[in-house]
N, C-alpha and C. Protein backbone atom coordinates (compact mmCIF):
# COMPACT_ATOMS: atom_id res chain seq x y z
N MET A 1 24.04 -99.47 39.43
CA MET A 1 24.52 -98.01 39.27
C MET A 1 25.86 -97.91 39.29
N TYR A 2 26.24 -97.16 37.92
CA TYR A 2 27.88 -96.75 38.24
C TYR A 2 28.37 -96.27 38.95
N LYS A 3 29.34 -96.59 39.68
CA LYS A 3 30.13 -95.71 40.82
C LYS A 3 31.10 -94.84 40.27
N ILE A 4 30.93 -93.67 40.22
CA ILE A 4 31.66 -92.74 40.41
C ILE A 4 33.30 -92.90 41.79
N ARG A 5 34.00 -92.75 41.10
CA ARG A 5 35.22 -92.97 41.90
C ARG A 5 35.44 -91.62 42.88
N ASN A 6 36.02 -91.58 44.00
CA ASN A 6 36.04 -90.05 44.81
C ASN A 6 36.98 -89.50 44.25
N ARG A 7 37.91 -89.96 43.75
CA ARG A 7 39.16 -89.04 43.07
C ARG A 7 38.62 -88.30 41.93
N TYR A 8 37.47 -89.09 41.27
CA TYR A 8 36.90 -87.54 39.98
C TYR A 8 36.19 -86.46 40.76
N LEU A 9 35.33 -87.25 41.86
CA LEU A 9 34.40 -86.44 42.70
C LEU A 9 35.43 -85.23 43.55
N PHE A 10 36.34 -85.58 43.51
CA PHE A 10 37.76 -84.35 44.08
C PHE A 10 37.77 -83.58 43.45
N MET A 11 38.47 -84.26 41.63
CA MET A 11 38.50 -83.13 41.12
C MET A 11 37.94 -82.42 40.15
N LEU A 12 36.23 -82.81 40.08
CA LEU A 12 35.30 -82.16 39.95
C LEU A 12 34.92 -81.14 40.89
N ASP A 13 35.36 -81.05 42.10
CA ASP A 13 34.83 -80.02 43.18
C ASP A 13 35.69 -79.15 42.76
N ILE A 14 37.37 -79.44 42.56
CA ILE A 14 38.00 -78.25 42.38
C ILE A 14 37.35 -77.20 41.10
N ILE A 15 37.54 -77.98 40.18
CA ILE A 15 37.26 -77.57 38.96
C ILE A 15 36.03 -76.34 38.87
N ALA A 16 34.99 -77.77 39.89
CA ALA A 16 33.45 -76.38 40.24
C ALA A 16 33.86 -75.26 40.86
N CYS A 17 34.99 -75.39 41.96
CA CYS A 17 35.08 -74.20 42.62
C CYS A 17 35.90 -73.16 41.71
N PHE A 18 36.56 -73.29 40.65
CA PHE A 18 37.45 -72.05 39.91
C PHE A 18 36.35 -71.29 39.47
N PHE A 19 35.39 -72.60 38.68
CA PHE A 19 34.16 -72.11 37.79
C PHE A 19 33.55 -70.71 38.33
N ALA A 20 33.07 -71.71 39.42
CA ALA A 20 32.26 -70.78 40.43
C ALA A 20 32.66 -69.50 41.05
N TYR A 21 33.99 -69.25 41.45
CA TYR A 21 34.49 -67.74 41.27
C TYR A 21 34.92 -67.30 40.30
N ALA A 22 35.11 -67.93 39.03
CA ALA A 22 35.12 -66.73 38.14
C ALA A 22 33.81 -66.10 37.28
N ALA A 23 32.83 -67.24 37.38
CA ALA A 23 31.62 -66.83 36.98
C ALA A 23 31.18 -65.85 38.15
N LEU A 24 31.48 -66.00 39.40
CA LEU A 24 30.97 -64.90 40.11
C LEU A 24 31.59 -63.08 39.93
N ILE A 25 33.23 -63.63 39.68
CA ILE A 25 34.05 -62.16 39.10
C ILE A 25 33.08 -61.82 37.96
N SER A 26 32.70 -62.81 36.74
CA SER A 26 32.29 -62.04 35.48
C SER A 26 30.85 -61.31 35.98
N ILE A 27 30.37 -61.67 37.06
CA ILE A 27 28.74 -61.34 37.28
C ILE A 27 28.43 -59.88 37.74
N ILE A 28 29.70 -59.58 39.07
CA ILE A 28 29.98 -58.65 39.39
C ILE A 28 30.20 -57.33 38.76
N PHE A 29 31.46 -57.74 38.04
CA PHE A 29 32.19 -56.44 37.38
C PHE A 29 31.55 -56.49 35.80
N PRO A 30 31.64 -55.61 35.69
CA PRO A 30 31.20 -55.14 34.02
C PRO A 30 32.17 -55.96 33.27
N ILE A 31 31.75 -56.10 32.05
CA ILE A 31 32.44 -57.11 30.69
C ILE A 31 33.41 -56.61 30.90
N SER A 32 33.57 -55.42 30.37
CA SER A 32 35.22 -54.55 29.90
C SER A 32 36.18 -55.03 31.14
N GLN A 33 35.64 -54.98 32.34
CA GLN A 33 36.83 -55.03 33.39
C GLN A 33 36.81 -56.62 33.77
N VAL A 34 36.64 -57.85 33.60
CA VAL A 34 36.56 -59.12 33.87
C VAL A 34 37.94 -59.27 33.76
N ALA A 35 38.62 -59.26 33.04
CA ALA A 35 39.91 -59.65 32.35
C ALA A 35 40.91 -59.22 33.44
N TYR A 36 40.85 -57.52 34.03
CA TYR A 36 41.58 -57.05 34.70
C TYR A 36 41.56 -57.61 36.15
N TYR A 37 39.79 -57.94 36.46
CA TYR A 37 40.11 -58.53 38.16
C TYR A 37 40.29 -59.87 38.10
N ILE A 38 39.91 -60.31 37.03
CA ILE A 38 40.21 -62.06 37.53
C ILE A 38 41.77 -62.25 36.98
N LYS A 39 42.61 -61.40 36.87
CA LYS A 39 43.92 -61.31 36.45
C LYS A 39 44.50 -61.38 38.05
N PHE A 40 44.30 -60.83 38.81
CA PHE A 40 44.42 -60.62 40.56
C PHE A 40 44.05 -61.64 41.05
N ALA A 41 42.79 -62.19 40.87
CA ALA A 41 41.46 -62.74 41.73
C ALA A 41 42.41 -64.17 41.54
N TRP A 42 43.53 -64.94 40.88
CA TRP A 42 43.63 -66.22 40.96
C TRP A 42 44.63 -66.85 42.27
N ALA A 43 44.99 -66.06 42.88
CA ALA A 43 45.56 -66.58 44.35
C ALA A 43 44.45 -66.58 44.80
N TYR A 44 43.35 -65.46 44.90
CA TYR A 44 42.10 -65.80 45.86
C TYR A 44 41.28 -67.40 45.64
N ILE A 45 41.38 -67.31 44.44
CA ILE A 45 40.52 -68.67 43.76
C ILE A 45 41.21 -70.08 44.48
N GLY A 46 42.55 -69.53 44.09
CA GLY A 46 43.45 -71.15 44.38
C GLY A 46 43.50 -70.91 45.94
N LEU A 47 43.30 -70.15 46.54
CA LEU A 47 43.62 -70.48 48.50
C LEU A 47 41.87 -70.95 48.65
N SER A 48 41.14 -70.17 47.82
CA SER A 48 39.77 -70.95 48.23
C SER A 48 39.68 -72.14 48.09
N ALA A 49 39.74 -72.42 46.75
CA ALA A 49 39.45 -73.92 46.33
C ALA A 49 40.70 -74.68 47.38
N VAL A 50 41.64 -74.56 47.60
CA VAL A 50 42.28 -75.30 48.79
C VAL A 50 41.54 -75.42 50.34
N ILE A 51 41.16 -74.39 50.68
CA ILE A 51 40.10 -74.55 51.79
C ILE A 51 38.97 -75.22 51.93
N TYR A 52 38.49 -74.93 51.02
CA TYR A 52 37.19 -75.61 50.59
C TYR A 52 37.88 -77.25 50.17
N ILE A 53 38.11 -77.77 49.46
CA ILE A 53 38.62 -79.34 49.31
C ILE A 53 39.12 -79.60 51.23
N SER A 54 40.03 -79.01 51.75
CA SER A 54 40.64 -78.93 52.95
C SER A 54 39.36 -79.53 54.01
N VAL A 55 38.42 -78.83 53.85
CA VAL A 55 37.24 -78.94 54.90
C VAL A 55 36.77 -80.41 54.70
N PHE A 56 36.51 -80.40 53.23
CA PHE A 56 35.44 -81.56 52.72
C PHE A 56 36.56 -82.56 53.43
N VAL A 57 37.63 -82.92 52.92
CA VAL A 57 38.44 -83.89 53.36
C VAL A 57 38.58 -84.33 54.80
N LEU A 58 38.42 -83.00 55.67
CA LEU A 58 38.33 -83.10 56.89
C LEU A 58 37.00 -83.99 57.78
N PHE A 59 36.03 -83.36 56.80
CA PHE A 59 34.49 -84.00 57.22
C PHE A 59 34.56 -85.18 57.13
N ASN A 60 35.40 -86.09 56.07
CA ASN A 60 35.42 -87.11 55.49
C ASN A 60 34.06 -87.27 54.00
N ILE A 61 34.18 -85.91 53.56
CA ILE A 61 32.97 -86.14 52.45
C ILE A 61 33.52 -87.02 51.08
N TYR A 62 34.35 -87.53 50.77
CA TYR A 62 35.25 -87.78 50.08
C TYR A 62 35.12 -89.56 50.29
N TYR A 63 34.91 -89.84 51.32
CA TYR A 63 34.79 -91.63 51.86
C TYR A 63 33.77 -92.02 51.96
N THR A 64 32.65 -91.00 52.06
CA THR A 64 31.42 -91.76 52.47
C THR A 64 30.46 -92.06 51.33
N ASP A 65 30.21 -93.30 51.28
CA ASP A 65 29.40 -94.24 49.96
C ASP A 65 28.15 -93.42 49.70
N TRP A 66 27.80 -92.41 49.23
CA TRP A 66 26.20 -91.60 49.54
C TRP A 66 25.14 -92.37 49.26
N ILE A 67 25.19 -93.41 48.28
CA ILE A 67 24.23 -94.33 48.10
C ILE A 67 23.43 -94.93 49.48
N TYR A 68 24.51 -95.17 50.35
CA TYR A 68 24.41 -96.04 51.50
C TYR A 68 24.22 -94.97 52.23
N ALA A 69 23.93 -93.69 52.43
CA ALA A 69 24.44 -92.36 53.53
C ALA A 69 22.81 -92.10 53.91
N GLY A 70 23.38 -92.11 55.63
CA GLY A 70 21.92 -91.83 56.45
C GLY A 70 21.89 -90.14 56.94
N VAL A 71 21.62 -90.18 57.98
CA VAL A 71 21.47 -89.00 58.81
C VAL A 71 22.87 -88.46 58.90
N LYS A 72 23.70 -89.19 59.73
CA LYS A 72 24.87 -88.87 60.01
C LYS A 72 25.18 -88.31 59.02
N GLU A 73 25.67 -89.02 58.00
CA GLU A 73 26.10 -88.67 56.58
C GLU A 73 25.97 -87.19 56.44
N TYR A 74 24.46 -86.81 56.61
CA TYR A 74 24.17 -85.60 55.81
C TYR A 74 24.26 -84.43 56.68
N ILE A 75 24.26 -84.64 58.21
CA ILE A 75 24.82 -84.03 58.96
C ILE A 75 26.27 -83.39 58.98
N ARG A 76 27.16 -84.49 58.97
CA ARG A 76 28.17 -84.21 58.49
C ARG A 76 28.31 -82.90 57.36
N LEU A 77 27.74 -83.54 56.13
CA LEU A 77 27.93 -82.70 54.71
C LEU A 77 27.28 -81.13 55.65
N ALA A 78 26.42 -81.21 55.91
CA ALA A 78 26.06 -80.10 56.30
C ALA A 78 26.68 -79.24 57.38
N CYS A 79 27.30 -79.58 58.09
CA CYS A 79 28.36 -79.20 58.67
C CYS A 79 29.48 -78.73 58.14
N ALA A 80 30.11 -79.19 57.13
CA ALA A 80 31.33 -79.19 56.08
C ALA A 80 31.03 -77.66 55.19
N CYS A 81 29.77 -77.65 55.40
CA CYS A 81 29.41 -76.66 53.88
C CYS A 81 28.94 -75.22 54.79
């Protein structure tokens, strides 16, 4: 099986975090006001991405080989979320 390196998963998490918050803003606010609100939300999006990635690094989520993961690793993932 093809093994994806952890640094790629790290980058994908950062990108997914930005897209998730951008999608959230576009769903909550009317289409005519999305550009206005997203302009002010970049600081919040960046801060939340840093916190999200920091928590995952703290719980060693990126260092786990998920093919051989057991109950202990899944509990650690649930605690990080």
